[in-house]
């Protein structure tokens, strides 16, 4: 399984993706 942060950047790289990454990280 890849880290959420990596998935966030690998997914699209948009603002929404960044927010999702932060939401899942915390």
Protein backbone atom coordinates (compact mmCIF):
# COMPACT_ATOMS: atom_id res chain seq x y z
CA UNK A 1 0.00 0.00 0.00
CA UNK A 2 1.27 3.43 -0.96
CA UNK A 3 1.22 6.40 1.45
CA UNK A 4 -1.78 8.74 1.25
CA UNK A 5 0.49 11.66 0.42
CA UNK A 6 2.00 9.79 -2.53
CA UNK A 7 -1.46 8.73 -3.70
CA UNK A 8 -2.63 12.32 -3.44
CA UNK A 9 0.17 13.60 -5.67
CA UNK A 10 -0.03 10.61 -8.01
CA UNK A 11 -3.80 10.88 -8.36
CA UNK A 12 -4.18 14.31 -9.95
CA UNK A 13 -2.27 17.01 -8.14
CA UNK A 14 -5.23 19.36 -7.70
CA UNK A 15 -6.42 21.44 -4.75
CA UNK A 16 -9.12 18.90 -3.95
CA UNK A 17 -6.56 16.10 -3.98
CA UNK A 18 -4.36 18.07 -1.62
CA UNK A 19 -7.26 18.64 0.75
CA UNK A 20 -8.12 14.95 0.64
CA UNK A 21 -4.52 14.07 1.34
CA UNK A 22 -4.47 16.34 4.39
CA UNK A 23 -7.84 15.04 5.56
CA UNK A 24 -6.66 11.43 5.39
CA UNK A 25 -3.27 12.25 6.89
CA UNK A 26 -4.79 13.69 10.08
